[in-house]
Each structure stands twice: as structure tokens, then as C-alpha cells.
Amino acid sequence: MSGKLKIHVDQDKCQGHARCKSLAPELFKLDEFGNAHEIGDGTVPAGLEDKAYLARSNCPEIAIEVTEE
């Protein structure tokens, strides 16, 4: 993999299913309403790339973007 992966949760789409948090707790946190947010600036630590894609593919609202920098 050439660049770093970053994740971003679209707050307009997130409905608080929290599947991303249960699949990749290292990458997502929940706010007081149960909506998911990327941790920090969204940079995916080495070794967690598969979890980032797993979380994206399991989001019922398609609210998670994974981009390569």
C-alpha cells in the first residue's frame, strides 16, 4: 500500500447504528447521541486497514469514506 488510509464519517448520513464502532473500536468513537466519528484526524494506523474497509462495507447508511493519501 502506497499511502496512508484515512476514514471519515459523514454526519449527515450516520444514523447511529454503531456497527463501525463494534467492528473497529480502534477507529471510531460515539458521541452522546450514539453517532460515530473517526478518532483523531481519521488516519488509520498500520495494520488496521482491513478493519477500516470492513466498517465501511458494514455501514447500513454508507456513511463511511475510506480514502488513500
PDB file of N, CA and C in Angstrom:
ATOM      1  N   MET A   1       0.849  -1.187   0.000  1.00  0.00           N
ATOM      2  CA  MET A   1       0.000   0.000   0.000  1.00  0.00           C
ATOM      3  C   MET A   1       0.888   1.242   0.000  1.00  0.00           C
ATOM      4  N   SER A   2       0.594   2.173  -0.865  1.00  0.00           N
ATOM      5  CA  SER A   2       1.479   3.314  -1.026  1.00  0.00           C
ATOM      6  C   SER A   2       1.249   4.381   0.036  1.00  0.00           C
ATOM      7  N   GLY A   3       0.030   4.866   0.155  1.00  0.00           N
ATOM      8  CA  GLY A   3      -0.240   5.965   1.066  1.00  0.00           C
ATOM      9  C   GLY A   3      -0.937   5.517   2.326  1.00  0.00           C
ATOM     10  N   LYS A   4      -1.182   6.481   3.191  1.00  0.00           N
ATOM     11  CA  LYS A   4      -1.923   6.209   4.409  1.00  0.00           C
ATOM     12  C   LYS A   4      -3.416   6.227   4.104  1.00  0.00           C
ATOM     13  N   LEU A   5      -4.145   5.408   4.838  1.00  0.00           N
ATOM     14  CA  LEU A   5      -5.601   5.444   4.721  1.00  0.00           C
ATOM     15  C   LEU A   5      -6.164   6.416   5.739  1.00  0.00           C
ATOM     16  N   LYS A   6      -7.249   7.078   5.337  1.00  0.00           N
ATOM     17  CA  LYS A   6      -7.996   7.938   6.258  1.00  0.00           C
ATOM     18  C   LYS A   6      -9.462   7.566   6.161  1.00  0.00           C
ATOM     19  N   ILE A   7     -10.129   7.650   7.302  1.00  0.00           N
ATOM     20  CA  ILE A   7     -11.571   7.405   7.329  1.00  0.00           C
ATOM     21  C   ILE A   7     -12.281   8.706   7.684  1.00  0.00           C
ATOM     22  N   HIS A   8     -13.500   8.804   7.201  1.00  0.00           N
ATOM     23  CA  HIS A   8     -14.336   9.960   7.532  1.00  0.00           C
ATOM     24  C   HIS A   8     -15.782   9.498   7.623  1.00  0.00           C
ATOM     25  N   VAL A   9     -16.468   9.921   8.689  1.00  0.00           N
ATOM     26  CA  VAL A   9     -17.884   9.599   8.856  1.00  0.00           C
ATOM     27  C   VAL A   9     -18.703  10.813   8.447  1.00  0.00           C
ATOM     28  N   ASP A  10     -19.595  10.628   7.481  1.00  0.00           N
ATOM     29  CA  ASP A  10     -20.493  11.695   7.027  1.00  0.00           C
ATOM     30  C   ASP A  10     -21.619  11.836   8.046  1.00  0.00           C
ATOM     31  N   GLN A  11     -21.598  12.948   8.781  1.00  0.00           N
ATOM     32  CA  GLN A  11     -22.576  13.137   9.852  1.00  0.00           C
ATOM     33  C   GLN A  11     -24.006  13.312   9.335  1.00  0.00           C
ATOM     34  N   ASP A  12     -24.153  13.697   8.078  1.00  0.00           N
ATOM     35  CA  ASP A  12     -25.494  13.822   7.506  1.00  0.00           C
ATOM     36  C   ASP A  12     -26.115  12.458   7.240  1.00  0.00           C
ATOM     37  N   LYS A  13     -25.270  11.432   7.079  1.00  0.00           N
ATOM     38  CA  LYS A  13     -25.760  10.088   6.768  1.00  0.00           C
ATOM     39  C   LYS A  13     -25.811   9.171   7.981  1.00  0.00           C
ATOM     40  N   CYS A  14     -24.918   9.379   8.943  1.00  0.00           N
ATOM     41  CA  CYS A  14     -24.822   8.477  10.102  1.00  0.00           C
ATOM     42  C   CYS A  14     -26.124   8.487  10.899  1.00  0.00           C
ATOM     43  N   GLN A  15     -26.650   7.276  11.158  1.00  0.00           N
ATOM     44  CA  GLN A  15     -27.888   7.148  11.923  1.00  0.00           C
ATOM     45  C   GLN A  15     -27.665   6.464  13.276  1.00  0.00           C
ATOM     46  N   GLY A  16     -26.409   6.251  13.638  1.00  0.00           N
ATOM     47  CA  GLY A  16     -26.111   5.713  14.958  1.00  0.00           C
ATOM     48  C   GLY A  16     -26.284   4.214  15.101  1.00  0.00           C
ATOM     49  N   HIS A  17     -26.132   3.468  14.023  1.00  0.00           N
ATOM     50  CA  HIS A  17     -26.211   2.002  14.132  1.00  0.00           C
ATOM     51  C   HIS A  17     -25.021   1.441  14.909  1.00  0.00           C
ATOM     52  N   ALA A  18     -23.887   2.145  14.868  1.00  0.00           N
ATOM     53  CA  ALA A  18     -22.668   1.814  15.618  1.00  0.00           C
ATOM     54  C   ALA A  18     -22.022   0.498  15.208  1.00  0.00           C
ATOM     55  N   ARG A  19     -22.324   0.017  14.022  1.00  0.00           N
ATOM     56  CA  ARG A  19     -21.645  -1.199  13.560  1.00  0.00           C
ATOM     57  C   ARG A  19     -20.152  -0.947  13.396  1.00  0.00           C
ATOM     58  N   CYS A  20     -19.784   0.241  12.946  1.00  0.00           N
ATOM     59  CA  CYS A  20     -18.362   0.556  12.759  1.00  0.00           C
ATOM     60  C   CYS A  20     -17.617   0.483  14.086  1.00  0.00           C
ATOM     61  N   LYS A  21     -18.231   1.013  15.136  1.00  0.00           N
ATOM     62  CA  LYS A  21     -17.611   1.012  16.464  1.00  0.00           C
ATOM     63  C   LYS A  21     -17.450  -0.415  16.980  1.00  0.00           C
ATOM     64  N   SER A  22     -18.430  -1.272  16.729  1.00  0.00           N
ATOM     65  CA  SER A  22     -18.311  -2.645  17.216  1.00  0.00           C
ATOM     66  C   SER A  22     -17.305  -3.447  16.395  1.00  0.00           C
ATOM     67  N   LEU A  23     -17.149  -3.111  15.111  1.00  0.00           N
ATOM     68  CA  LEU A  23     -16.201  -3.824  14.252  1.00  0.00           C
ATOM     69  C   LEU A  23     -14.778  -3.273  14.368  1.00  0.00           C
ATOM     70  N   ALA A  24     -14.661  -1.986  14.594  1.00  0.00           N
ATOM     71  CA  ALA A  24     -13.340  -1.346  14.624  1.00  0.00           C
ATOM     72  C   ALA A  24     -13.288  -0.279  15.717  1.00  0.00           C
ATOM     73  N   PRO A  25     -13.326  -0.710  16.986  1.00  0.00           N
ATOM     74  CA  PRO A  25     -13.346   0.268  18.087  1.00  0.00           C
ATOM     75  C   PRO A  25     -12.086   1.135  18.148  1.00  0.00           C
ATOM     76  N   GLU A  26     -11.008   0.671  17.481  1.00  0.00           N
ATOM     77  CA  GLU A  26      -9.776   1.453  17.456  1.00  0.00           C
ATOM     78  C   GLU A  26      -9.898   2.667  16.539  1.00  0.00           C
ATOM     79  N   LEU A  27     -10.895   2.663  15.653  1.00  0.00           N
ATOM     80  CA  LEU A  27     -11.003   3.706  14.627  1.00  0.00           C
ATOM     81  C   LEU A  27     -12.169   4.664  14.828  1.00  0.00           C
ATOM     82  N   PHE A  28     -13.171   4.245  15.625  1.00  0.00           N
ATOM     83  CA  PHE A  28     -14.385   5.050  15.754  1.00  0.00           C
ATOM     84  C   PHE A  28     -14.749   5.284  17.212  1.00  0.00           C
ATOM     85  N   LYS A  29     -15.349   6.453  17.471  1.00  0.00           N
ATOM     86  CA  LYS A  29     -15.906   6.760  18.788  1.00  0.00           C
ATOM     87  C   LYS A  29     -17.346   7.209  18.564  1.00  0.00           C
ATOM     88  N   LEU A  30     -18.152   7.098  19.595  1.00  0.00           N
ATOM     89  CA  LEU A  30     -19.551   7.525  19.508  1.00  0.00           C
ATOM     90  C   LEU A  30     -19.748   8.792  20.328  1.00  0.00           C
ATOM     91  N   ASP A  31     -20.587   9.691  19.815  1.00  0.00           N
ATOM     92  CA  ASP A  31     -20.894  10.901  20.580  1.00  0.00           C
ATOM     93  C   ASP A  31     -22.086  10.634  21.506  1.00  0.00           C
ATOM     94  N   GLU A  32     -22.538  11.670  22.178  1.00  0.00           N
ATOM     95  CA  GLU A  32     -23.615  11.482  23.165  1.00  0.00           C
ATOM     96  C   GLU A  32     -24.936  11.053  22.530  1.00  0.00           C
ATOM     97  N   PHE A  33     -25.055  11.188  21.223  1.00  0.00           N
ATOM     98  CA  PHE A  33     -26.274  10.773  20.521  1.00  0.00           C
ATOM     99  C   PHE A  33     -26.130   9.382  19.918  1.00  0.00           C
ATOM    100  N   GLY A  34     -24.941   8.774  20.068  1.00  0.00           N
ATOM    101  CA  GLY A  34     -24.702   7.446  19.512  1.00  0.00           C
ATOM    102  C   GLY A  34     -24.205   7.454  18.082  1.00  0.00           C
ATOM    103  N   ASN A  35     -23.940   8.662  17.551  1.00  0.00           N
ATOM    104  CA  ASN A  35     -23.417   8.748  16.191  1.00  0.00           C
ATOM    105  C   ASN A  35     -21.913   8.556  16.192  1.00  0.00           C
ATOM    106  N   ALA A  36     -21.413   7.929  15.139  1.00  0.00           N
ATOM    107  CA  ALA A  36     -19.990   7.608  15.056  1.00  0.00           C
ATOM    108  C   ALA A  36     -19.175   8.774  14.508  1.00  0.00           C
ATOM    109  N   HIS A  37     -17.953   8.851  14.983  1.00  0.00           N
ATOM    110  CA  HIS A  37     -16.970   9.828  14.500  1.00  0.00           C
ATOM    111  C   HIS A  37     -15.637   9.106  14.381  1.00  0.00           C
ATOM    112  N   GLU A  38     -14.830   9.517  13.406  1.00  0.00           N
ATOM    113  CA  GLU A  38     -13.488   8.964  13.316  1.00  0.00           C
ATOM    114  C   GLU A  38     -12.682   9.470  14.513  1.00  0.00           C
ATOM    115  N   ILE A  39     -11.770   8.650  14.989  1.00  0.00           N
ATOM    116  CA  ILE A  39     -10.901   9.047  16.092  1.00  0.00           C
ATOM    117  C   ILE A  39      -9.767   9.904  15.535  1.00  0.00           C
ATOM    118  N   GLY A  40      -9.483  11.005  16.214  1.00  0.00           N
ATOM    119  CA  GLY A  40      -8.412  11.908  15.783  1.00  0.00           C
ATOM    120  C   GLY A  40      -8.719  12.506  14.427  1.00  0.00           C
ATOM    121  N   ASP A  41      -7.716  12.523  13.549  1.00  0.00           N
ATOM    122  CA  ASP A  41      -7.926  13.105  12.215  1.00  0.00           C
ATOM    123  C   ASP A  41      -8.378  12.048  11.213  1.00  0.00           C
ATOM    124  N   GLY A  42      -8.649  10.841  11.706  1.00  0.00           N
ATOM    125  CA  GLY A  42      -9.141   9.795  10.823  1.00  0.00           C
ATOM    126  C   GLY A  42      -8.068   8.926  10.205  1.00  0.00           C
ATOM    127  N   THR A  43      -6.799   9.198  10.534  1.00  0.00           N
ATOM    128  CA  THR A  43      -5.718   8.372   9.992  1.00  0.00           C
ATOM    129  C   THR A  43      -5.835   6.951  10.542  1.00  0.00           C
ATOM    130  N   VAL A  44      -5.754   5.980   9.637  1.00  0.00           N
ATOM    131  CA  VAL A  44      -5.865   4.570  10.024  1.00  0.00           C
ATOM    132  C   VAL A  44      -4.465   4.041  10.340  1.00  0.00           C
ATOM    133  N   PRO A  45      -4.239   3.602  11.587  1.00  0.00           N
ATOM    134  CA  PRO A  45      -2.914   3.057  11.930  1.00  0.00           C
ATOM    135  C   PRO A  45      -2.579   1.818  11.103  1.00  0.00           C
ATOM    136  N   ALA A  46      -1.297   1.606  10.861  1.00  0.00           N
ATOM    137  CA  ALA A  46      -0.851   0.434  10.114  1.00  0.00           C
ATOM    138  C   ALA A  46      -1.390  -0.830  10.769  1.00  0.00           C
ATOM    139  N   GLY A  47      -1.870  -1.736   9.942  1.00  0.00           N
ATOM    140  CA  GLY A  47      -2.400  -2.985  10.445  1.00  0.00           C
ATOM    141  C   GLY A  47      -3.909  -2.979  10.630  1.00  0.00           C
ATOM    142  N   LEU A  48      -4.526  -1.798  10.584  1.00  0.00           N
ATOM    143  CA  LEU A  48      -5.977  -1.703  10.786  1.00  0.00           C
ATOM    144  C   LEU A  48      -6.727  -1.385   9.491  1.00  0.00           C
ATOM    145  N   GLU A  49      -6.020  -1.471   8.363  1.00  0.00           N
ATOM    146  CA  GLU A  49      -6.644  -1.136   7.077  1.00  0.00           C
ATOM    147  C   GLU A  49      -7.862  -2.024   6.796  1.00  0.00           C
ATOM    148  N   ASP A  50      -7.725  -3.319   7.068  1.00  0.00           N
ATOM    149  CA  ASP A  50      -8.840  -4.237   6.816  1.00  0.00           C
ATOM    150  C   ASP A  50     -10.062  -3.862   7.641  1.00  0.00           C
ATOM    151  N   LYS A  51      -9.827  -3.424   8.880  1.00  0.00           N
ATOM    152  CA  LYS A  51     -10.950  -3.030   9.743  1.00  0.00           C
ATOM    153  C   LYS A  51     -11.646  -1.785   9.199  1.00  0.00           C
ATOM    154  N   ALA A  52     -10.872  -0.875   8.619  1.00  0.00           N
ATOM    155  CA  ALA A  52     -11.466   0.333   8.042  1.00  0.00           C
ATOM    156  C   ALA A  52     -12.416  -0.036   6.905  1.00  0.00           C
ATOM    157  N   TYR A  53     -11.959  -0.940   6.021  1.00  0.00           N
ATOM    158  CA  TYR A  53     -12.809  -1.355   4.897  1.00  0.00           C
ATOM    159  C   TYR A  53     -13.998  -2.190   5.374  1.00  0.00           C
ATOM    160  N   LEU A  54     -13.790  -3.010   6.408  1.00  0.00           N
ATOM    161  CA  LEU A  54     -14.873  -3.819   6.969  1.00  0.00           C
ATOM    162  C   LEU A  54     -15.965  -2.919   7.539  1.00  0.00           C
ATOM    163  N   ALA A  55     -15.548  -1.884   8.285  1.00  0.00           N
ATOM    164  CA  ALA A  55     -16.511  -0.946   8.857  1.00  0.00           C
ATOM    165  C   ALA A  55     -17.290  -0.239   7.749  1.00  0.00           C
ATOM    166  N   ARG A  56     -16.568   0.190   6.708  1.00  0.00           N
ATOM    167  CA  ARG A  56     -17.243   0.873   5.591  1.00  0.00           C
ATOM    168  C   ARG A  56     -18.275  -0.042   4.940  1.00  0.00           C
ATOM    169  N   SER A  57     -17.888  -1.283   4.682  1.00  0.00           N
ATOM    170  CA  SER A  57     -18.801  -2.184   3.963  1.00  0.00           C
ATOM    171  C   SER A  57     -19.981  -2.620   4.819  1.00  0.00           C
ATOM    172  N   ASN A  58     -19.881  -2.479   6.138  1.00  0.00           N
ATOM    173  CA  ASN A  58     -20.968  -2.878   7.029  1.00  0.00           C
ATOM    174  C   ASN A  58     -21.858  -1.723   7.463  1.00  0.00           C
ATOM    175  N   CYS A  59     -21.567  -0.515   7.002  1.00  0.00           N
ATOM    176  CA  CYS A  59     -22.388   0.640   7.380  1.00  0.00           C
ATOM    177  C   CYS A  59     -23.687   0.648   6.580  1.00  0.00           C
ATOM    178  N   PRO A  60     -24.847   0.508   7.265  1.00  0.00           N
ATOM    179  CA  PRO A  60     -26.127   0.472   6.526  1.00  0.00           C
ATOM    180  C   PRO A  60     -26.450   1.795   5.838  1.00  0.00           C
ATOM    181  N   GLU A  61     -25.872   2.885   6.294  1.00  0.00           N
ATOM    182  CA  GLU A  61     -26.172   4.201   5.730  1.00  0.00           C
ATOM    183  C   GLU A  61     -25.126   4.655   4.712  1.00  0.00           C
ATOM    184  N   ILE A  62     -24.105   3.819   4.483  1.00  0.00           N
ATOM    185  CA  ILE A  62     -22.996   4.171   3.591  1.00  0.00           C
ATOM    186  C   ILE A  62     -22.417   5.536   3.984  1.00  0.00           C
ATOM    187  N   ALA A  63     -22.184   5.710   5.280  1.00  0.00           N
ATOM    188  CA  ALA A  63     -21.728   6.999   5.813  1.00  0.00           C
ATOM    189  C   ALA A  63     -20.215   7.080   5.992  1.00  0.00           C
ATOM    190  N   ILE A  64     -19.504   5.985   5.745  1.00  0.00           N
ATOM    191  CA  ILE A  64     -18.069   5.959   5.982  1.00  0.00           C
ATOM    192  C   ILE A  64     -17.297   6.007   4.676  1.00  0.00           C
ATOM    193  N   GLU A  65     -16.383   6.966   4.594  1.00  0.00           N
ATOM    194  CA  GLU A  65     -15.488   7.059   3.435  1.00  0.00           C
ATOM    195  C   GLU A  65     -14.117   6.594   3.863  1.00  0.00           C
ATOM    196  N   VAL A  66     -13.462   5.805   3.010  1.00  0.00           N
ATOM    197  CA  VAL A  66     -12.062   5.437   3.210  1.00  0.00           C
ATOM    198  C   VAL A  66     -11.291   5.983   2.017  1.00  0.00           C
ATOM    199  N   THR A  67     -10.312   6.830   2.298  1.00  0.00           N
ATOM    200  CA  THR A  67      -9.521   7.420   1.216  1.00  0.00           C
ATOM    201  C   THR A  67      -8.049   7.129   1.459  1.00  0.00           C
ATOM    202  N   GLU A  68      -7.297   7.100   0.367  1.00  0.00           N
ATOM    203  CA  GLU A  68      -5.854   6.885   0.456  1.00  0.00           C
ATOM    204  C   GLU A  68      -5.158   8.187   0.160  1.00  0.00           C
ATOM    205  N   GLU A  69      -4.212   8.559   1.004  1.00  0.00           N
ATOM    206  CA  GLU A  69      -3.498   9.824   0.822  1.00  0.00           C
ATOM    207  C   GLU A  69      -2.209   9.610   0.075  1.00  0.00           C
TER     208      GLU A  69
END
